[in-house]
Amino acid sequence: MPTARIQKDDHALLAEIAERRGMQHQQVLHEALELYDRHTFLDELNASFAQLRENKPLWEEELAERELWDNTLNDGSSE
């Protein structure tokens, strides 16, 4: 099994969280990494949309495409 060195303060925090939640250290780290990954993904996505909004022609194209997709919801299907 691979190992990783962490700072003493981080290890203490990890142990505290694990004890408080009744989890193994490995489980706490797994959840933390998943949350970090989601967080950074959303940060990058938000930055990309902010950049897109700054480009008026491309942003208007995006909005027009969204409107086309919204119209597909009115196609008479039950879903």
PDB file of N, CA and C in Angstrom:
ATOM      1  N   MET A   1       0.845  -1.176   0.000  1.00  0.00           N
ATOM      2  CA  MET A   1       0.000   0.000   0.000  1.00  0.00           C
ATOM      3  C   MET A   1       0.891   1.240   0.000  1.00  0.00           C
ATOM      4  N   PRO A   2       0.617   2.198  -0.880  1.00  0.00           N
ATOM      5  CA  PRO A   2       1.417   3.425  -0.917  1.00  0.00           C
ATOM      6  C   PRO A   2       1.231   4.243   0.362  1.00  0.00           C
ATOM      7  N   THR A   3       2.236   4.999   0.688  1.00  0.00           N
ATOM      8  CA  THR A   3       2.151   5.888   1.842  1.00  0.00           C
ATOM      9  C   THR A   3       2.493   7.301   1.397  1.00  0.00           C
ATOM     10  N   ALA A   4       2.050   8.261   2.190  1.00  0.00           N
ATOM     11  CA  ALA A   4       2.367   9.665   1.903  1.00  0.00           C
ATOM     12  C   ALA A   4       2.683  10.356   3.216  1.00  0.00           C
ATOM     13  N   ARG A   5       3.685  11.199   3.180  1.00  0.00           N
ATOM     14  CA  ARG A   5       4.039  11.961   4.369  1.00  0.00           C
ATOM     15  C   ARG A   5       3.136  13.190   4.438  1.00  0.00           C
ATOM     16  N   ILE A   6       2.645  13.470   5.649  1.00  0.00           N
ATOM     17  CA  ILE A   6       1.866  14.686   5.861  1.00  0.00           C
ATOM     18  C   ILE A   6       2.411  15.394   7.087  1.00  0.00           C
ATOM     19  N   GLN A   7       2.112  16.667   7.190  1.00  0.00           N
ATOM     20  CA  GLN A   7       2.594  17.460   8.308  1.00  0.00           C
ATOM     21  C   GLN A   7       1.916  17.002   9.600  1.00  0.00           C
ATOM     22  N   LYS A   8       2.606  17.232  10.717  1.00  0.00           N
ATOM     23  CA  LYS A   8       2.081  16.806  12.018  1.00  0.00           C
ATOM     24  C   LYS A   8       0.712  17.426  12.307  1.00  0.00           C
ATOM     25  N   ASP A   9       0.555  18.718  11.993  1.00  0.00           N
ATOM     26  CA  ASP A   9      -0.731  19.384  12.232  1.00  0.00           C
ATOM     27  C   ASP A   9      -1.838  18.750  11.393  1.00  0.00           C
ATOM     28  N   ASP A  10      -1.512  18.399  10.151  1.00  0.00           N
ATOM     29  CA  ASP A  10      -2.502  17.766   9.281  1.00  0.00           C
ATOM     30  C   ASP A  10      -2.874  16.377   9.789  1.00  0.00           C
ATOM     31  N   HIS A  11      -1.886  15.659  10.307  1.00  0.00           N
ATOM     32  CA  HIS A  11      -2.160  14.331  10.850  1.00  0.00           C
ATOM     33  C   HIS A  11      -3.052  14.432  12.078  1.00  0.00           C
ATOM     34  N   ALA A  12      -2.803  15.433  12.907  1.00  0.00           N
ATOM     35  CA  ALA A  12      -3.636  15.631  14.098  1.00  0.00           C
ATOM     36  C   ALA A  12      -5.072  15.958  13.694  1.00  0.00           C
ATOM     37  N   LEU A  13      -5.223  16.797  12.692  1.00  0.00           N
ATOM     38  CA  LEU A  13      -6.562  17.141  12.208  1.00  0.00           C
ATOM     39  C   LEU A  13      -7.248  15.925  11.602  1.00  0.00           C
ATOM     40  N   LEU A  14      -6.500  15.153  10.834  1.00  0.00           N
ATOM     41  CA  LEU A  14      -7.036  13.931  10.245  1.00  0.00           C
ATOM     42  C   LEU A  14      -7.519  12.978  11.332  1.00  0.00           C
ATOM     43  N   ALA A  15      -6.717  12.797  12.364  1.00  0.00           N
ATOM     44  CA  ALA A  15      -7.089  11.908  13.461  1.00  0.00           C
ATOM     45  C   ALA A  15      -8.328  12.419  14.186  1.00  0.00           C
ATOM     46  N   GLU A  16      -8.402  13.725  14.390  1.00  0.00           N
ATOM     47  CA  GLU A  16      -9.560  14.325  15.063  1.00  0.00           C
ATOM     48  C   GLU A  16     -10.835  14.117  14.251  1.00  0.00           C
ATOM     49  N   ILE A  17     -10.758  14.376  12.962  1.00  0.00           N
ATOM     50  CA  ILE A  17     -11.931  14.194  12.092  1.00  0.00           C
ATOM     51  C   ILE A  17     -12.349  12.731  12.064  1.00  0.00           C
ATOM     52  N   ALA A  18     -11.383  11.848  11.910  1.00  0.00           N
ATOM     53  CA  ALA A  18     -11.679  10.415  11.850  1.00  0.00           C
ATOM     54  C   ALA A  18     -12.349   9.950  13.135  1.00  0.00           C
ATOM     55  N   GLU A  19     -11.837  10.401  14.260  1.00  0.00           N
ATOM     56  CA  GLU A  19     -12.426   9.990  15.545  1.00  0.00           C
ATOM     57  C   GLU A  19     -13.835  10.553  15.693  1.00  0.00           C
ATOM     58  N   ARG A  20     -13.999  11.816  15.363  1.00  0.00           N
ATOM     59  CA  ARG A  20     -15.298  12.469  15.500  1.00  0.00           C
ATOM     60  C   ARG A  20     -16.355  11.825  14.616  1.00  0.00           C
ATOM     61  N   ARG A  21     -15.949  11.381  13.432  1.00  0.00           N
ATOM     62  CA  ARG A  21     -16.899  10.798  12.486  1.00  0.00           C
ATOM     63  C   ARG A  21     -16.939   9.282  12.534  1.00  0.00           C
ATOM     64  N   GLY A  22     -16.088   8.684  13.358  1.00  0.00           N
ATOM     65  CA  GLY A  22     -16.066   7.229  13.466  1.00  0.00           C
ATOM     66  C   GLY A  22     -15.613   6.554  12.188  1.00  0.00           C
ATOM     67  N   MET A  23     -14.597   7.132  11.568  1.00  0.00           N
ATOM     68  CA  MET A  23     -14.101   6.629  10.287  1.00  0.00           C
ATOM     69  C   MET A  23     -12.616   6.326  10.387  1.00  0.00           C
ATOM     70  N   GLN A  24     -12.139   5.537   9.441  1.00  0.00           N
ATOM     71  CA  GLN A  24     -10.713   5.296   9.305  1.00  0.00           C
ATOM     72  C   GLN A  24     -10.069   6.518   8.632  1.00  0.00           C
ATOM     73  N   HIS A  25      -8.790   6.729   8.902  1.00  0.00           N
ATOM     74  CA  HIS A  25      -8.067   7.842   8.276  1.00  0.00           C
ATOM     75  C   HIS A  25      -8.202   7.781   6.751  1.00  0.00           C
ATOM     76  N   GLN A  26      -8.070   6.581   6.210  1.00  0.00           N
ATOM     77  CA  GLN A  26      -8.125   6.408   4.760  1.00  0.00           C
ATOM     78  C   GLN A  26      -9.475   6.875   4.205  1.00  0.00           C
ATOM     79  N   GLN A  27     -10.563   6.588   4.917  1.00  0.00           N
ATOM     80  CA  GLN A  27     -11.892   7.011   4.469  1.00  0.00           C
ATOM     81  C   GLN A  27     -12.021   8.532   4.483  1.00  0.00           C
ATOM     82  N   VAL A  28     -11.493   9.149   5.537  1.00  0.00           N
ATOM     83  CA  VAL A  28     -11.548  10.614   5.638  1.00  0.00           C
ATOM     84  C   VAL A  28     -10.773  11.235   4.486  1.00  0.00           C
ATOM     85  N   LEU A  29      -9.581  10.712   4.215  1.00  0.00           N
ATOM     86  CA  LEU A  29      -8.776  11.246   3.118  1.00  0.00           C
ATOM     87  C   LEU A  29      -9.475  11.063   1.772  1.00  0.00           C
ATOM     88  N   HIS A  30     -10.105   9.917   1.571  1.00  0.00           N
ATOM     89  CA  HIS A  30     -10.816   9.657   0.324  1.00  0.00           C
ATOM     90  C   HIS A  30     -11.936  10.678   0.118  1.00  0.00           C
ATOM     91  N   GLU A  31     -12.749  10.880   1.163  1.00  0.00           N
ATOM     92  CA  GLU A  31     -13.836  11.856   1.051  1.00  0.00           C
ATOM     93  C   GLU A  31     -13.297  13.261   0.822  1.00  0.00           C
ATOM     94  N   ALA A  32     -12.229  13.607   1.520  1.00  0.00           N
ATOM     95  CA  ALA A  32     -11.645  14.941   1.372  1.00  0.00           C
ATOM     96  C   ALA A  32     -11.138  15.158  -0.046  1.00  0.00           C
ATOM     97  N   LEU A  33     -10.492  14.149  -0.619  1.00  0.00           N
ATOM     98  CA  LEU A  33      -9.983  14.274  -1.977  1.00  0.00           C
ATOM     99  C   LEU A  33     -11.119  14.370  -2.990  1.00  0.00           C
ATOM    100  N   GLU A  34     -12.184  13.611  -2.778  1.00  0.00           N
ATOM    101  CA  GLU A  34     -13.339  13.705  -3.684  1.00  0.00           C
ATOM    102  C   GLU A  34     -13.965  15.098  -3.623  1.00  0.00           C
ATOM    103  N   LEU A  35     -14.129  15.627  -2.408  1.00  0.00           N
ATOM    104  CA  LEU A  35     -14.690  16.973  -2.261  1.00  0.00           C
ATOM    105  C   LEU A  35     -13.783  18.022  -2.888  1.00  0.00           C
ATOM    106  N   TYR A  36     -12.486  17.885  -2.686  1.00  0.00           N
ATOM    107  CA  TYR A  36     -11.527  18.819  -3.282  1.00  0.00           C
ATOM    108  C   TYR A  36     -11.604  18.763  -4.805  1.00  0.00           C
ATOM    109  N   ASP A  37     -11.710  17.562  -5.349  1.00  0.00           N
ATOM    110  CA  ASP A  37     -11.793  17.407  -6.798  1.00  0.00           C
ATOM    111  C   ASP A  37     -13.049  18.082  -7.344  1.00  0.00           C
ATOM    112  N   ARG A  38     -14.185  17.865  -6.689  1.00  0.00           N
ATOM    113  CA  ARG A  38     -15.434  18.513  -7.122  1.00  0.00           C
ATOM    114  C   ARG A  38     -15.326  20.023  -7.015  1.00  0.00           C
ATOM    115  N   HIS A  39     -14.750  20.484  -5.912  1.00  0.00           N
ATOM    116  CA  HIS A  39     -14.603  21.922  -5.687  1.00  0.00           C
ATOM    117  C   HIS A  39     -13.747  22.565  -6.781  1.00  0.00           C
ATOM    118  N   THR A  40     -12.600  21.962  -7.071  1.00  0.00           N
ATOM    119  CA  THR A  40     -11.727  22.538  -8.094  1.00  0.00           C
ATOM    120  C   THR A  40     -12.366  22.448  -9.479  1.00  0.00           C
ATOM    121  N   PHE A  41     -13.110  21.362  -9.753  1.00  0.00           N
ATOM    122  CA  PHE A  41     -13.812  21.252 -11.029  1.00  0.00           C
ATOM    123  C   PHE A  41     -14.811  22.405 -11.185  1.00  0.00           C
ATOM    124  N   LEU A  42     -15.590  22.664 -10.136  1.00  0.00           N
ATOM    125  CA  LEU A  42     -16.578  23.741 -10.209  1.00  0.00           C
ATOM    126  C   LEU A  42     -15.915  25.107 -10.301  1.00  0.00           C
ATOM    127  N   ASP A  43     -14.801  25.303  -9.602  1.00  0.00           N
ATOM    128  CA  ASP A  43     -14.057  26.566  -9.729  1.00  0.00           C
ATOM    129  C   ASP A  43     -13.593  26.783 -11.167  1.00  0.00           C
ATOM    130  N   GLU A  44     -13.056  25.736 -11.784  1.00  0.00           N
ATOM    131  CA  GLU A  44     -12.590  25.834 -13.168  1.00  0.00           C
ATOM    132  C   GLU A  44     -13.754  26.076 -14.123  1.00  0.00           C
ATOM    133  N   LEU A  45     -14.877  25.409 -13.867  1.00  0.00           N
ATOM    134  CA  LEU A  45     -16.062  25.598 -14.702  1.00  0.00           C
ATOM    135  C   LEU A  45     -16.571  27.027 -14.590  1.00  0.00           C
ATOM    136  N   ASN A  46     -16.648  27.546 -13.371  1.00  0.00           N
ATOM    137  CA  ASN A  46     -17.088  28.927 -13.167  1.00  0.00           C
ATOM    138  C   ASN A  46     -16.157  29.915 -13.863  1.00  0.00           C
ATOM    139  N   ALA A  47     -14.863  29.678 -13.785  1.00  0.00           N
ATOM    140  CA  ALA A  47     -13.900  30.557 -14.449  1.00  0.00           C
ATOM    141  C   ALA A  47     -14.082  30.510 -15.962  1.00  0.00           C
ATOM    142  N   SER A  48     -14.356  29.325 -16.485  1.00  0.00           N
ATOM    143  CA  SER A  48     -14.573  29.192 -17.929  1.00  0.00           C
ATOM    144  C   SER A  48     -15.826  29.944 -18.368  1.00  0.00           C
ATOM    145  N   PHE A  49     -16.895  29.833 -17.591  1.00  0.00           N
ATOM    146  CA  PHE A  49     -18.114  30.564 -17.933  1.00  0.00           C
ATOM    147  C   PHE A  49     -17.923  32.065 -17.793  1.00  0.00           C
ATOM    148  N   ALA A  50     -17.161  32.497 -16.796  1.00  0.00           N
ATOM    149  CA  ALA A  50     -16.876  33.925 -16.647  1.00  0.00           C
ATOM    150  C   ALA A  50     -16.112  34.439 -17.865  1.00  0.00           C
ATOM    151  N   GLN A  51     -15.164  33.656 -18.330  1.00  0.00           N
ATOM    152  CA  GLN A  51     -14.403  34.031 -19.519  1.00  0.00           C
ATOM    153  C   GLN A  51     -15.311  34.066 -20.744  1.00  0.00           C
ATOM    154  N   LEU A  52     -16.215  33.101 -20.856  1.00  0.00           N
ATOM    155  CA  LEU A  52     -17.146  33.062 -21.977  1.00  0.00           C
ATOM    156  C   LEU A  52     -18.064  34.285 -21.949  1.00  0.00           C
ATOM    157  N   ARG A  53     -18.556  34.659 -20.761  1.00  0.00           N
ATOM    158  CA  ARG A  53     -19.445  35.824 -20.649  1.00  0.00           C
ATOM    159  C   ARG A  53     -18.746  37.114 -21.053  1.00  0.00           C
ATOM    160  N   GLU A  54     -17.433  37.179 -20.902  1.00  0.00           N
ATOM    161  CA  GLU A  54     -16.683  38.378 -21.292  1.00  0.00           C
ATOM    162  C   GLU A  54     -16.613  38.542 -22.805  1.00  0.00           C
ATOM    163  N   ASN A  55     -16.795  37.458 -23.535  1.00  0.00           N
ATOM    164  CA  ASN A  55     -16.769  37.508 -24.998  1.00  0.00           C
ATOM    165  C   ASN A  55     -18.224  37.577 -25.476  1.00  0.00           C
ATOM    166  N   LYS A  56     -18.713  38.800 -25.702  1.00  0.00           N
ATOM    167  CA  LYS A  56     -20.131  39.007 -25.976  1.00  0.00           C
ATOM    168  C   LYS A  56     -20.667  38.165 -27.132  1.00  0.00           C
ATOM    169  N   PRO A  57     -20.005  38.096 -28.284  1.00  0.00           N
ATOM    170  CA  PRO A  57     -20.556  37.275 -29.376  1.00  0.00           C
ATOM    171  C   PRO A  57     -20.671  35.790 -28.998  1.00  0.00           C
ATOM    172  N   LEU A  58     -19.658  35.262 -28.336  1.00  0.00           N
ATOM    173  CA  LEU A  58     -19.708  33.854 -27.945  1.00  0.00           C
ATOM    174  C   LEU A  58     -20.755  33.613 -26.863  1.00  0.00           C
ATOM    175  N   TRP A  59     -20.900  34.580 -25.935  1.00  0.00           N
ATOM    176  CA  TRP A  59     -21.901  34.423 -24.883  1.00  0.00           C
ATOM    177  C   TRP A  59     -23.311  34.450 -25.484  1.00  0.00           C
ATOM    178  N   GLU A  60     -23.543  35.337 -26.453  1.00  0.00           N
ATOM    179  CA  GLU A  60     -24.850  35.385 -27.109  1.00  0.00           C
ATOM    180  C   GLU A  60     -25.122  34.082 -27.865  1.00  0.00           C
ATOM    181  N   GLU A  61     -24.087  33.509 -28.452  1.00  0.00           N
ATOM    182  CA  GLU A  61     -24.226  32.212 -29.126  1.00  0.00           C
ATOM    183  C   GLU A  61     -24.595  31.126 -28.111  1.00  0.00           C
ATOM    184  N   GLU A  62     -23.967  31.163 -26.958  1.00  0.00           N
ATOM    185  CA  GLU A  62     -24.271  30.206 -25.887  1.00  0.00           C
ATOM    186  C   GLU A  62     -25.732  30.329 -25.450  1.00  0.00           C
ATOM    187  N   LEU A  63     -26.179  31.559 -25.251  1.00  0.00           N
ATOM    188  CA  LEU A  63     -27.557  31.782 -24.824  1.00  0.00           C
ATOM    189  C   LEU A  63     -28.551  31.324 -25.888  1.00  0.00           C
ATOM    190  N   ALA A  64     -28.220  31.569 -27.148  1.00  0.00           N
ATOM    191  CA  ALA A  64     -29.090  31.125 -28.238  1.00  0.00           C
ATOM    192  C   ALA A  64     -29.170  29.604 -28.278  1.00  0.00           C
ATOM    193  N   GLU A  65     -28.052  28.944 -28.054  1.00  0.00           N
ATOM    194  CA  GLU A  65     -28.052  27.481 -28.050  1.00  0.00           C
ATOM    195  C   GLU A  65     -28.874  26.947 -26.878  1.00  0.00           C
ATOM    196  N   ARG A  66     -28.762  27.592 -25.729  1.00  0.00           N
ATOM    197  CA  ARG A  66     -29.567  27.172 -24.577  1.00  0.00           C
ATOM    198  C   ARG A  66     -31.058  27.292 -24.889  1.00  0.00           C
ATOM    199  N   GLU A  67     -31.416  28.377 -25.578  1.00  0.00           N
ATOM    200  CA  GLU A  67     -32.823  28.571 -25.938  1.00  0.00           C
ATOM    201  C   GLU A  67     -33.305  27.459 -26.869  1.00  0.00           C
ATOM    202  N   LEU A  68     -32.461  27.041 -27.799  1.00  0.00           N
ATOM    203  CA  LEU A  68     -32.825  25.932 -28.677  1.00  0.00           C
ATOM    204  C   LEU A  68     -33.045  24.651 -27.878  1.00  0.00           C
ATOM    205  N   TRP A  69     -32.164  24.404 -26.914  1.00  0.00           N
ATOM    206  CA  TRP A  69     -32.310  23.204 -26.081  1.00  0.00           C
ATOM    207  C   TRP A  69     -33.570  23.286 -25.231  1.00  0.00           C
ATOM    208  N   ASP A  70     -33.879  24.489 -24.718  1.00  0.00           N
ATOM    209  CA  ASP A  70     -35.093  24.655 -23.920  1.00  0.00           C
ATOM    210  C   ASP A  70     -36.334  24.345 -24.745  1.00  0.00           C
ATOM    211  N   ASN A  71     -36.300  24.662 -26.021  1.00  0.00           N
ATOM    212  CA  ASN A  71     -37.436  24.394 -26.894  1.00  0.00           C
ATOM    213  C   ASN A  71     -37.670  22.903 -27.074  1.00  0.00           C
ATOM    214  N   THR A  72     -36.629  22.095 -26.944  1.00  0.00           N
ATOM    215  CA  THR A  72     -36.812  20.653 -27.112  1.00  0.00           C
ATOM    216  C   THR A  72     -37.657  20.065 -25.993  1.00  0.00           C
ATOM    217  N   LEU A  73     -37.763  20.787 -24.872  1.00  0.00           N
ATOM    218  CA  LEU A  73     -38.594  20.299 -23.777  1.00  0.00           C
ATOM    219  C   LEU A  73     -40.081  20.401 -24.124  1.00  0.00           C
ATOM    220  N   ASN A  74     -40.398  21.198 -25.117  1.00  0.00           N
ATOM    221  CA  ASN A  74     -41.793  21.388 -25.531  1.00  0.00           C
ATOM    222  C   ASN A  74     -42.150  20.578 -26.755  1.00  0.00           C
ATOM    223  N   ASP A  75     -41.457  19.471 -26.972  1.00  0.00           N
ATOM    224  CA  ASP A  75     -41.676  18.683 -28.193  1.00  0.00           C
ATOM    225  C   ASP A  75     -42.808  17.669 -28.055  1.00  0.00           C
ATOM    226  N   GLY A  76     -43.522  17.707 -26.943  1.00  0.00           N
ATOM    227  CA  GLY A  76     -44.652  16.816 -26.766  1.00  0.00           C
ATOM    228  C   GLY A  76     -44.312  15.505 -26.107  1.00  0.00           C
ATOM    229  N   SER A  77     -43.051  15.262 -25.818  1.00  0.00           N
ATOM    230  CA  SER A  77     -42.701  14.003 -25.160  1.00  0.00           C
ATOM    231  C   SER A  77     -43.040  14.109 -23.679  1.00  0.00           C
ATOM    232  N   SER A  78     -43.128  12.955 -23.042  1.00  0.00           N
ATOM    233  CA  SER A  78     -43.517  12.934 -21.630  1.00  0.00           C
ATOM    234  C   SER A  78     -42.319  13.132 -20.700  1.00  0.00           C
ATOM    235  N   GLU A  79     -41.118  13.161 -21.203  1.00  0.00           N
ATOM    236  CA  GLU A  79     -39.930  13.319 -20.360  1.00  0.00           C
ATOM    237  C   GLU A  79     -39.347  14.690 -20.492  1.00  0.00           C
TER     238      GLU A  79
END
